[in-house]
């Protein structure tokens, strides 16, 4: 058994696996520990947001995403055949919702940057396949029992059916969900709001499913429910209070009682395939890092599931952290680079928590909430408001504060065709190995010359039209040039790719 690795990741869900992939591409040695023997088959997320899918596409999973989405579309077709629901008409006009209020496609910018109908089970499978192809070791049935930070590493211990184990790592990353043991054992503060409601998501056989149509979020005097868009999928929000025992098994009788009360419809649940319940805790850590222990995904933030933002939020955490931590482990960048992880990702989580709290507020069945909901619905008829809500829900409003007045700097760029030599290539295809990219429109490839003398971690590509652009491995635009100018490029390289000497000059590549 290895006695030392660069990073131990606790949690083999989507966030843990993508973190492992990012780190491995950056040259780090990774071990993933997971307490479950097999991946959970409970119904979870049904789609993955644009920024998260773009992170996957940059790491070679475009074909897998298409395959999983095809499976989802087939399931939706079965739902349509069984119920007669008009999914095609809705899909052509709408692309999401805000508390059940529909977001129109015709009001969007960058409509090609969309969520993909990829369920969490399929997502975990494609990430596990990619991790396996990279030789990443995942050990299941490993319960971390304690860890201790040292000056030069972290000592991690676990229990398993075959006995106890231990390992030394340079860094420990907790991706172990909303009830994270890593967060608790490390002593991270996790402030927020107490739960007030209960959510259910189940796959069930219902005797008269047509009575639960039309498809969409249905707000009643007792809660909210939605049936579809795949056979048997039922979502319910019960405002009568949080669950008495969240860990108790979800039973057919419980689901039937809650469904009949909230919907007011005479239906019976004939069978229950899977079921989960959770509360609407809304919490966020004060910092994503304490020394050599870092958090990502639900371990750092929990909130209501409106709009399916949580999974995407966590995957982009992983994309942001992975390349930075790998650069520190390689010794190319100072440990202070890790401070930018909290600085960039925590404000994004603050915004998501805020919009999910707002959605809960206008879904409540009381008259005051109803009046506010009607006001928001009217505002969303305005194209500018609908577009703004769309960008919030898709994550496209994200912009890290990199200190630049140029709006593009700090944005996460979408994919685009690049005219490279005599061929057209995809920007994301250039990023498969976890490198940064310089799109160089400068005369005589001046910008590429500046990059080449400092680092081998940036792929330089000559392009016909500007502006020149330095893109980090997580697709964040770190610098853009004005016309033929390279002003600011060296500063951006020093900040993200090349450690500065004591005199402020760049370290030359190979020195």
Protein backbone atom coordinates (compact mmCIF):
# COMPACT_ATOMS: atom_id res chain seq x y z
CA UNK A 1 0.00 0.00 0.00
CA UNK A 2 1.19 3.50 -0.79
CA UNK A 3 2.23 5.33 2.35
CA UNK A 4 2.09 8.79 0.80
CA UNK A 5 0.06 10.50 -1.91
CA UNK A 6 -0.25 14.12 -2.88
CA UNK A 7 -3.98 14.40 -2.24
CA UNK A 8 -6.58 12.28 -0.48
CA UNK A 9 -10.13 13.05 -1.63
CA UNK A 10 -12.95 11.90 0.63
CA UNK A 11 -16.07 11.18 -1.41
CA UNK A 12 -16.43 9.43 -4.79
CA UNK A 13 -19.48 11.34 -5.94
CA UNK A 14 -19.35 13.63 -8.98
CA UNK A 15 -17.45 16.42 -7.20
CA UNK A 16 -14.88 14.07 -5.72
CA UNK A 17 -14.30 12.28 -9.01
CA UNK A 18 -13.93 15.47 -11.04
CA UNK A 19 -11.54 16.84 -8.41
CA UNK A 20 -9.47 13.68 -8.78
CA UNK A 21 -9.47 13.98 -12.58
CA UNK A 22 -8.38 17.62 -12.49
CA UNK A 23 -5.59 16.91 -10.02
CA UNK A 24 -4.34 13.89 -11.94
CA UNK A 25 -4.20 15.83 -15.20
CA UNK A 26 -2.13 18.39 -13.29
CA UNK A 27 0.38 15.72 -12.28
CA UNK A 28 -0.75 15.03 -8.71
CA UNK A 29 -0.98 11.54 -7.19
CA UNK A 30 -4.50 11.07 -5.85
CA UNK A 31 -6.35 8.57 -3.67
CA UNK A 32 -10.15 8.69 -3.38
CA UNK A 33 -11.82 7.23 -0.28
CA UNK A 34 -15.56 6.49 -0.29
CA UNK A 35 -17.66 5.11 2.57
CA UNK A 36 -20.29 3.47 0.32
CA UNK A 37 -19.68 0.05 -1.21
CA UNK A 38 -21.45 1.07 -4.45
CA UNK A 39 -22.83 4.32 -5.80
CA UNK A 40 -26.25 5.26 -4.43
CA UNK A 41 -29.13 4.55 -6.82
CA UNK A 42 -31.56 6.96 -5.13
CA UNK A 43 -33.19 9.49 -7.46
CA UNK A 44 -31.08 12.65 -7.46
CA UNK A 45 -30.29 15.37 -10.00
CA UNK A 46 -31.90 15.00 -13.42
CA UNK A 47 -29.74 17.50 -15.29
CA UNK A 48 -26.37 19.21 -15.18
CA UNK A 49 -26.00 22.95 -15.73
CA UNK A 50 -24.02 24.64 -18.52
CA UNK A 51 -20.84 25.53 -16.62
CA UNK A 52 -20.57 22.05 -15.12
CA UNK A 53 -21.13 20.31 -18.46
CA UNK A 54 -18.54 22.58 -20.02
CA UNK A 55 -16.07 21.46 -17.35
CA UNK A 56 -16.78 17.84 -18.30
CA UNK A 57 -16.48 18.54 -22.01
CA UNK A 58 -13.05 20.10 -21.43
CA UNK A 59 -12.00 16.76 -19.96
CA UNK A 60 -13.06 14.44 -22.73
CA UNK A 61 -16.67 13.61 -21.85
CA UNK A 62 -18.59 15.22 -24.71
CA UNK A 63 -19.57 11.88 -26.27
CA UNK A 64 -20.58 10.43 -22.88
CA UNK A 65 -22.79 13.44 -22.19
CA UNK A 66 -24.54 12.97 -25.55
CA UNK A 67 -25.11 9.28 -24.84
CA UNK A 68 -26.58 9.93 -21.39
CA UNK A 69 -28.80 12.70 -22.71
CA UNK A 70 -30.11 10.35 -25.40
CA UNK A 71 -31.09 7.89 -22.65
CA UNK A 72 -32.89 10.69 -20.80
CA UNK A 73 -34.75 11.76 -23.93
CA UNK A 74 -35.84 8.16 -24.48
CA UNK A 75 -37.25 8.06 -20.94
CA UNK A 76 -39.08 11.34 -21.57
CA UNK A 77 -40.52 9.87 -24.77
CA UNK A 78 -41.90 6.96 -22.74
CA UNK A 79 -43.43 9.45 -20.31
CA UNK A 80 -45.08 11.28 -23.20
CA UNK A 81 -46.44 8.02 -24.61
CA UNK A 82 -47.84 6.99 -21.24
CA UNK A 83 -49.39 10.32 -20.23
CA UNK A 84 -49.85 12.38 -23.39
CA UNK A 85 -47.93 15.27 -21.83
CA UNK A 86 -46.65 17.87 -24.29
CA UNK A 87 -42.92 17.82 -23.56
CA UNK A 88 -41.82 18.75 -27.08
CA UNK A 89 -43.78 21.99 -27.07
CA UNK A 90 -42.40 23.01 -23.68
CA UNK A 91 -38.84 22.13 -24.61
CA UNK A 92 -39.00 24.27 -27.75
CA UNK A 93 -40.07 27.37 -25.82
CA UNK A 94 -38.63 27.07 -22.32
CA UNK A 95 -35.28 26.08 -20.84
CA UNK A 96 -35.77 26.13 -17.09
CA UNK A 97 -37.64 27.81 -14.31
CA UNK A 98 -37.36 30.10 -11.31
CA UNK A 99 -39.59 28.70 -8.55
CA UNK A 100 -41.72 27.13 -11.29
CA UNK A 101 -41.94 30.36 -13.32
CA UNK A 102 -40.73 29.50 -16.80
CA UNK A 103 -37.58 30.87 -18.42
CA UNK A 104 -38.09 31.57 -22.12
CA UNK A 105 -35.53 30.57 -24.71
CA UNK A 106 -36.31 33.58 -26.90
CA UNK A 107 -35.13 35.95 -24.15
CA UNK A 108 -31.71 34.35 -23.66
CA UNK A 109 -28.23 35.28 -24.72
CA UNK A 110 -25.77 32.43 -25.38
CA UNK A 111 -28.67 30.00 -25.62
CA UNK A 112 -26.24 27.31 -26.80
CA UNK A 113 -24.80 27.24 -23.27
CA UNK A 114 -27.55 25.08 -21.82
CA UNK A 115 -28.17 22.47 -19.19
CA UNK A 116 -27.98 18.85 -20.34
CA UNK A 117 -30.49 16.16 -19.42
CA UNK A 118 -27.89 13.97 -17.73
CA UNK A 119 -29.01 12.24 -14.55
CA UNK A 120 -26.70 11.91 -11.58
CA UNK A 121 -26.35 8.13 -11.99
CA UNK A 122 -25.14 8.52 -15.56
CA UNK A 123 -22.92 11.41 -14.55
CA UNK A 124 -21.21 9.36 -11.85
CA UNK A 125 -20.71 6.47 -14.27
CA UNK A 126 -19.01 8.63 -16.90
CA UNK A 127 -16.77 10.29 -14.31
CA UNK A 128 -15.86 6.90 -12.84
CA UNK A 129 -14.94 5.64 -16.31
CA UNK A 130 -12.76 8.67 -16.98
CA UNK A 131 -11.10 8.35 -13.57
CA UNK A 132 -10.39 4.67 -14.23
CA UNK A 133 -8.86 5.51 -17.61
CA UNK A 134 -6.50 7.93 -15.86
CA UNK A 135 -5.47 5.26 -13.34
CA UNK A 136 -7.05 7.01 -10.35
CA UNK A 137 -7.42 4.71 -7.36
CA UNK A 138 -10.84 4.72 -5.70
CA UNK A 139 -11.21 2.68 -2.50
CA UNK A 140 -14.79 2.04 -1.41
CA UNK A 141 -16.08 1.05 2.01
CA UNK A 142 -13.56 3.36 3.65
CA UNK A 143 -14.89 5.42 6.56
CA UNK A 144 -12.43 8.15 7.54
CA UNK A 145 -12.21 8.01 11.34
CA UNK A 146 -9.71 10.77 12.04
CA UNK A 147 -7.03 12.93 10.50
CA UNK A 148 -4.35 15.22 11.84
CA UNK A 149 -2.71 18.13 10.10
CA UNK A 150 1.06 18.32 10.30
CA UNK A 151 3.41 21.05 9.14
CA UNK A 152 4.17 19.15 5.93
CA UNK A 153 1.06 17.04 5.39
CA UNK A 154 -2.07 15.37 6.75
CA UNK A 155 -2.21 11.94 8.40
CA UNK A 156 -5.49 10.20 7.49
CA UNK A 157 -6.95 7.08 9.12
CA UNK A 158 -9.95 5.00 8.09
CA UNK A 159 -11.90 1.87 8.94
CA UNK A 160 -13.05 -0.73 6.42
CA UNK A 161 -14.52 -4.25 6.44
CA UNK A 162 -10.98 -5.61 6.07
CA UNK A 163 -9.46 -3.54 8.87
CA UNK A 164 -8.02 -0.12 9.55
CA UNK A 165 -5.78 1.88 7.25
CA UNK A 166 -3.76 5.06 7.21
CA UNK A 167 -1.86 7.25 4.79
CA UNK A 168 0.03 10.52 4.71
CA UNK A 169 -0.98 13.12 2.11
CA UNK A 170 0.08 16.64 1.35
CA UNK A 171 -3.54 17.86 1.17
CA UNK A 172 -6.95 16.50 2.14
CA UNK A 173 -10.06 17.48 0.14
CA UNK A 174 -13.51 16.86 1.59
CA UNK A 175 -16.12 16.12 -1.09
CA UNK A 176 -18.30 14.08 1.25
CA UNK A 177 -21.60 15.91 1.01
CA UNK A 178 -23.78 18.15 3.12
CA UNK A 179 -23.18 16.19 6.32
CA UNK A 180 -19.44 16.16 5.68
CA UNK A 181 -17.38 14.47 8.37
CA UNK A 182 -14.28 16.19 7.04
CA UNK A 183 -15.88 19.59 7.56
CA UNK A 184 -16.99 18.67 11.06
CA UNK A 185 -13.70 17.08 12.13
CA UNK A 186 -11.70 20.02 10.76
CA UNK A 187 -13.90 22.48 12.65
CA UNK A 188 -15.13 24.61 9.75
CA UNK A 189 -17.87 27.06 10.75
CA UNK A 190 -21.06 26.28 8.81
CA UNK A 191 -23.56 29.07 9.54
CA UNK A 192 -26.91 29.47 7.85
CA UNK A 193 -30.66 29.11 8.23
CA UNK A 194 -32.49 26.30 10.04
CA UNK A 195 -34.76 23.94 8.06
CA UNK A 196 -38.44 24.79 7.70
CA UNK A 197 -39.69 22.35 5.05
CA UNK A 198 -39.38 18.81 3.72
CA UNK A 199 -38.53 17.82 0.16
CA UNK A 200 -39.24 14.46 -1.45
CA UNK A 201 -38.02 12.98 -4.71
CA UNK A 202 -39.17 9.49 -5.61
CA UNK A 203 -39.73 7.04 -8.42
CA UNK A 204 -43.18 5.56 -7.85
CA UNK A 205 -45.93 3.72 -9.68
CA UNK A 206 -49.14 5.72 -9.38
CA UNK A 207 -52.57 4.34 -10.26
CA UNK A 208 -53.78 7.42 -12.15
CA UNK A 209 -50.72 9.48 -13.16
CA UNK A 210 -52.76 11.50 -15.65
CA UNK A 211 -54.48 13.13 -12.69
CA UNK A 212 -51.16 14.75 -11.73
CA UNK A 213 -50.86 16.56 -15.07
CA UNK A 214 -50.22 19.01 -16.63
CA UNK A 215 -46.47 18.67 -16.25
CA UNK A 216 -44.75 21.44 -14.34
CA UNK A 217 -44.54 22.81 -10.84
CA UNK A 218 -48.00 22.86 -9.23
CA UNK A 219 -48.39 25.19 -6.24
CA UNK A 220 -51.29 24.37 -3.91
CA UNK A 221 -52.55 25.52 -0.54
CA UNK A 222 -50.44 22.82 1.17
CA UNK A 223 -47.22 22.69 -0.83
CA UNK A 224 -45.74 22.11 -4.27
CA UNK A 225 -45.55 19.01 -6.47
CA UNK A 226 -44.33 18.08 -9.93
CA UNK A 227 -44.80 14.83 -11.83
CA UNK A 228 -42.43 13.80 -14.66
CA UNK A 229 -40.78 14.36 -17.06
CA UNK A 230 -39.70 10.71 -16.81
CA UNK A 231 -42.04 7.86 -15.86
CA UNK A 232 -42.74 7.69 -12.14
CA UNK A 233 -40.64 10.69 -11.12
CA UNK A 234 -42.37 12.71 -8.41
CA UNK A 235 -41.08 15.81 -6.64
CA UNK A 236 -42.87 17.25 -3.60
CA UNK A 237 -42.27 20.19 -1.28
CA UNK A 238 -44.09 20.04 2.05
CA UNK A 239 -44.20 23.34 3.94
CA UNK A 240 -45.61 21.81 7.13
CA UNK A 241 -42.12 21.56 8.67
CA UNK A 242 -38.79 19.71 8.48
CA UNK A 243 -38.70 15.91 8.75
CA UNK A 244 -38.81 14.49 12.26
CA UNK A 245 -36.22 11.87 11.33
CA UNK A 246 -34.46 12.51 8.05
CA UNK A 247 -32.67 9.16 8.26
CA UNK A 248 -35.82 7.08 8.61
CA UNK A 249 -36.67 4.99 5.51
CA UNK A 250 -39.01 6.64 3.04
CA UNK A 251 -42.12 4.47 2.86
CA UNK A 252 -44.86 4.05 0.28
CA UNK A 253 -47.44 5.04 2.88
CA UNK A 254 -45.63 8.29 3.68
CA UNK A 255 -45.33 9.27 0.02
CA UNK A 256 -48.97 8.50 -0.68
CA UNK A 257 -50.18 10.52 2.30
CA UNK A 258 -48.04 13.55 1.46
CA UNK A 259 -48.96 13.39 -2.24
CA UNK A 260 -52.71 13.21 -1.58
CA UNK A 261 -52.55 16.07 0.92
CA UNK A 262 -50.40 18.40 -1.18
CA UNK A 263 -51.95 17.67 -4.58
CA UNK A 264 -55.54 17.30 -3.42
CA UNK A 265 -55.86 14.58 -6.05
CA UNK A 266 -57.38 11.13 -5.52
CA UNK A 267 -54.42 8.91 -6.41
CA UNK A 268 -52.78 5.86 -4.88
CA UNK A 269 -49.11 4.86 -4.86
CA UNK A 270 -48.95 1.25 -6.01
CA UNK A 271 -45.18 0.74 -5.72
CA UNK A 272 -42.12 2.72 -4.65
CA UNK A 273 -38.87 2.09 -6.54
CA UNK A 274 -36.71 4.68 -4.78
CA UNK A 275 -37.26 7.58 -2.46
CA UNK A 276 -35.33 10.30 -0.68
CA UNK A 277 -36.26 13.12 1.64
CA UNK A 278 -34.28 16.09 2.83
CA UNK A 279 -34.74 19.44 4.53
CA UNK A 280 -34.11 22.96 3.29
CA UNK A 281 -31.01 23.75 5.33
CA UNK A 282 -29.18 26.69 3.77
CA UNK A 283 -25.61 26.89 5.00
CA UNK A 284 -22.20 28.02 3.78
CA UNK A 285 -18.72 27.68 5.28
CA UNK A 286 -16.81 30.86 6.10
CA UNK A 287 -13.79 29.60 4.19
CA UNK A 288 -13.17 26.69 1.82
CA UNK A 289 -9.70 26.04 3.24
CA UNK A 290 -8.14 25.51 6.63
CA UNK A 291 -4.44 24.86 6.21
CA UNK A 292 -4.06 21.65 4.23
CA UNK A 293 -7.75 20.71 4.39
CA UNK A 294 -10.09 21.97 1.66
CA UNK A 295 -13.79 21.50 0.93
CA UNK A 296 -15.74 21.30 -2.32
CA UNK A 297 -19.36 20.77 -3.29
CA UNK A 298 -22.05 20.16 -0.69
CA UNK A 299 -19.39 19.80 1.98
CA UNK A 300 -18.96 23.57 1.66
CA UNK A 301 -22.51 24.67 0.87
CA UNK A 302 -26.06 23.30 1.12
CA UNK A 303 -29.29 24.85 -0.11
CA UNK A 304 -32.70 24.04 -1.56
CA UNK A 305 -32.57 22.13 -4.87
CA UNK A 306 -34.49 24.65 -6.98
CA UNK A 307 -33.15 24.71 -10.50
CA UNK A 308 -30.73 21.85 -9.87
CA UNK A 309 -27.92 24.29 -9.09
CA UNK A 310 -26.15 22.38 -6.31
CA UNK A 311 -24.51 19.69 -8.44
CA UNK A 312 -23.29 22.22 -10.99
CA UNK A 313 -22.00 24.52 -8.24
CA UNK A 314 -19.93 21.67 -6.79
CA UNK A 315 -18.51 20.53 -10.13
CA UNK A 316 -17.30 24.04 -10.92
CA UNK A 317 -15.74 24.12 -7.42
CA UNK A 318 -13.75 21.07 -8.47
CA UNK A 319 -12.72 22.66 -11.78
CA UNK A 320 -11.54 25.79 -9.96
CA UNK A 321 -9.63 23.98 -7.23
CA UNK A 322 -8.04 21.09 -9.13
CA UNK A 323 -5.58 22.89 -11.40
CA UNK A 324 -4.58 25.34 -8.65
CA UNK A 325 -3.84 22.63 -6.09
CA UNK A 326 -1.92 20.64 -8.70
CA UNK A 327 0.23 23.70 -9.51
CA UNK A 328 1.07 24.12 -5.83
CA UNK A 329 1.91 20.42 -5.49
CA UNK A 330 4.20 20.60 -8.52
CA UNK A 331 6.04 23.40 -6.75
CA UNK A 332 5.40 25.83 -9.59
CA UNK A 333 3.09 28.14 -7.67
CA UNK A 334 3.07 29.37 -4.04
CA UNK A 335 0.53 28.04 -1.58
CA UNK A 336 -1.10 31.48 -1.56
CA UNK A 337 -2.67 30.53 -4.91
CA UNK A 338 -5.09 28.38 -2.92
CA UNK A 339 -6.48 31.50 -1.25
CA UNK A 340 -8.06 32.41 -4.59
CA UNK A 341 -10.23 29.28 -4.37
CA UNK A 342 -12.34 30.67 -1.53
CA UNK A 343 -12.14 34.21 -2.92
CA UNK A 344 -13.58 33.11 -6.27
CA UNK A 345 -16.00 30.33 -5.41
CA UNK A 346 -17.58 31.49 -2.14
CA UNK A 347 -19.28 34.58 -3.68
CA UNK A 348 -20.80 32.30 -6.32
CA UNK A 349 -22.24 30.09 -3.57
CA UNK A 350 -23.57 33.16 -1.74
CA UNK A 351 -25.52 34.10 -4.88
CA UNK A 352 -26.92 30.57 -5.31
CA UNK A 353 -28.01 30.38 -1.69
CA UNK A 354 -29.73 33.75 -2.08
CA UNK A 355 -31.69 32.78 -5.18
CA UNK A 356 -32.82 29.45 -3.71
CA UNK A 357 -34.04 31.22 -0.57
CA UNK A 358 -35.92 33.67 -2.78
CA UNK A 359 -37.52 30.82 -4.71
CA UNK A 360 -38.65 29.14 -1.50
CA UNK A 361 -40.16 32.44 -0.35
CA UNK A 362 -42.41 32.82 -3.42
CA UNK A 363 -43.46 29.17 -3.39
CA UNK A 364 -44.94 29.24 0.10
CA UNK A 365 -48.74 28.88 0.17
CA UNK A 366 -49.51 31.98 2.28
CA UNK A 367 -51.17 35.07 0.70
CA UNK A 368 -48.13 37.32 1.15
CA UNK A 369 -45.88 34.89 -0.74
CA UNK A 370 -48.55 34.51 -3.39
CA UNK A 371 -48.65 38.25 -3.95
CA UNK A 372 -44.86 38.42 -4.29
CA UNK A 373 -44.92 35.46 -6.67
CA UNK A 374 -47.45 37.21 -8.91
CA UNK A 375 -45.25 40.31 -8.98
CA UNK A 376 -42.17 38.26 -9.96
CA UNK A 377 -44.17 36.42 -12.62
CA UNK A 378 -45.20 39.73 -14.17
CA UNK A 379 -41.63 41.02 -14.09
CA UNK A 380 -40.43 37.86 -15.85
CA UNK A 381 -42.60 38.74 -18.82
CA UNK A 382 -40.04 41.47 -19.52
CA UNK A 383 -37.25 40.14 -21.75
CA UNK A 384 -34.49 41.82 -19.72
CA UNK A 385 -35.73 40.31 -16.46
CA UNK A 386 -36.25 36.87 -17.97
CA UNK A 387 -32.74 37.05 -19.43
CA UNK A 388 -31.26 38.12 -16.10
CA UNK A 389 -32.98 35.25 -14.26
CA UNK A 390 -31.80 32.84 -16.97
CA UNK A 391 -28.18 33.91 -16.56
CA UNK A 392 -28.43 33.55 -12.78
CA UNK A 393 -29.95 30.07 -12.99
CA UNK A 394 -27.51 28.87 -15.67
CA UNK A 395 -24.54 30.34 -13.78
CA UNK A 396 -23.56 32.53 -16.73
CA UNK A 397 -23.62 35.63 -14.54
CA UNK A 398 -20.51 34.26 -12.77
CA UNK A 399 -17.55 36.61 -12.93
CA UNK A 400 -14.56 36.24 -10.63
CA UNK A 401 -13.10 39.50 -9.38
CA UNK A 402 -9.62 39.51 -10.91
CA UNK A 403 -9.25 43.26 -10.56
CA UNK A 404 -9.79 44.08 -14.24
CA UNK A 405 -12.14 46.67 -15.69
CA UNK A 406 -12.64 44.53 -18.79
CA UNK A 407 -15.88 42.63 -18.48
CA UNK A 408 -14.53 39.49 -20.16
CA UNK A 409 -11.79 39.03 -17.56
CA UNK A 410 -13.04 36.74 -14.80
CA UNK A 411 -15.78 35.21 -16.98
CA UNK A 412 -15.91 31.47 -17.70
CA UNK A 413 -15.74 31.20 -21.47
CA UNK A 414 -17.90 28.86 -23.46
CA UNK A 415 -16.62 26.67 -26.26
CA UNK A 416 -15.91 28.22 -29.64
CA UNK A 417 -14.39 27.24 -32.98
CA UNK A 418 -10.76 28.33 -33.39
CA UNK A 419 -9.17 28.87 -36.81
CA UNK A 420 -5.81 27.26 -36.16
CA UNK A 421 -3.52 27.00 -39.15
CA UNK A 422 -5.46 25.41 -41.98
CA UNK A 423 -8.01 23.76 -39.74
CA UNK A 424 -10.87 24.70 -37.46
CA UNK A 425 -10.65 23.23 -33.95
CA UNK A 426 -12.70 23.54 -30.79
CA UNK A 427 -11.34 25.61 -27.92
CA UNK A 428 -12.35 22.86 -25.49
CA UNK A 429 -10.53 20.27 -27.57
CA UNK A 430 -7.36 22.27 -26.91
CA UNK A 431 -7.96 22.00 -23.15
CA UNK A 432 -8.31 18.22 -22.75
CA UNK A 433 -4.96 17.82 -20.97
CA UNK A 434 -5.73 20.40 -18.29
CA UNK A 435 -3.49 23.10 -19.73
CA UNK A 436 -4.17 26.81 -20.03
CA UNK A 437 -4.62 28.33 -23.49
CA UNK A 438 -3.36 31.54 -25.08
CA UNK A 439 -5.35 32.67 -28.10
CA UNK A 440 -2.77 34.86 -29.80
CA UNK A 441 -3.86 37.47 -32.33
CA UNK A 442 -0.76 39.64 -31.84
CA UNK A 443 1.55 40.52 -34.74
CA UNK A 444 4.44 38.10 -35.06
CA UNK A 445 3.05 35.94 -32.23
CA UNK A 446 4.47 38.41 -29.73
CA UNK A 447 2.15 37.21 -26.94
CA UNK A 448 3.14 33.56 -27.53
CA UNK A 449 6.78 34.50 -27.18
CA UNK A 450 6.14 36.02 -23.77
CA UNK A 451 4.29 32.90 -22.62
CA UNK A 452 6.79 30.40 -24.03
CA UNK A 453 9.75 31.78 -22.09
CA UNK A 454 7.86 31.45 -18.81
CA UNK A 455 5.78 28.27 -18.76
CA UNK A 456 5.01 25.03 -20.55
CA UNK A 457 1.56 24.86 -18.92
CA UNK A 458 -0.10 27.11 -21.52
CA UNK A 459 -0.88 26.01 -25.09
CA UNK A 460 -0.27 28.92 -27.46
CA UNK A 461 -2.55 29.08 -30.49
CA UNK A 462 -2.33 31.68 -33.23
CA UNK A 463 -5.75 33.03 -34.22
CA UNK A 464 -6.79 35.27 -37.08
CA UNK A 465 -8.91 37.72 -35.10
CA UNK A 466 -8.55 39.23 -31.66
CA UNK A 467 -8.53 40.08 -28.98
CA UNK A 468 -5.70 37.93 -27.69
CA UNK A 469 -6.82 36.04 -24.62
CA UNK A 470 -5.19 34.04 -21.80
CA UNK A 471 -7.51 31.32 -20.52
CA UNK A 472 -6.90 29.34 -17.32
CA UNK A 473 -7.46 25.55 -17.22
CA UNK A 474 -10.89 26.14 -15.65
CA UNK A 475 -11.91 28.28 -18.68
CA UNK A 476 -11.65 31.53 -16.72
CA UNK A 477 -10.42 34.39 -18.90
CA UNK A 478 -7.37 35.68 -17.04
CA UNK A 479 -6.31 38.39 -19.49
CA UNK A 480 -7.36 39.98 -22.75
CA UNK A 481 -5.26 42.23 -24.94
CA UNK A 482 -6.30 45.41 -26.70
CA UNK A 483 -5.61 45.28 -30.44
CA UNK A 484 -1.91 44.35 -30.74
CA UNK A 485 -0.97 45.18 -27.15
CA UNK A 486 0.37 42.63 -24.65
CA UNK A 487 0.14 45.04 -21.69
CA UNK A 488 -0.77 43.11 -18.55
CA UNK A 489 0.04 39.67 -19.96
CA UNK A 490 3.17 39.17 -17.88
CA UNK A 491 1.27 40.17 -14.73
CA UNK A 492 -1.45 37.62 -15.50
CA UNK A 493 1.14 34.91 -16.16
CA UNK A 494 2.87 35.63 -12.86
CA UNK A 495 -0.43 35.53 -11.02
CA UNK A 496 -1.69 32.23 -12.40
CA UNK A 497 1.12 30.27 -14.01
CA UNK A 498 4.61 31.49 -13.12
CA UNK A 499 5.99 32.33 -9.68
CA UNK A 500 7.75 35.69 -9.54
CA UNK A 501 11.33 36.09 -8.43
CA UNK A 502 12.08 38.30 -5.44
CA UNK A 503 12.77 41.17 -7.85
CA UNK A 504 9.36 40.69 -9.49
CA UNK A 505 10.67 39.28 -12.78
CA UNK A 506 9.32 36.05 -14.26
CA UNK A 507 11.05 32.75 -13.74
CA UNK A 508 12.03 31.47 -17.16
CA UNK A 509 10.73 28.07 -18.24
CA UNK A 510 13.19 25.34 -17.32
CA UNK A 511 14.99 27.43 -14.69
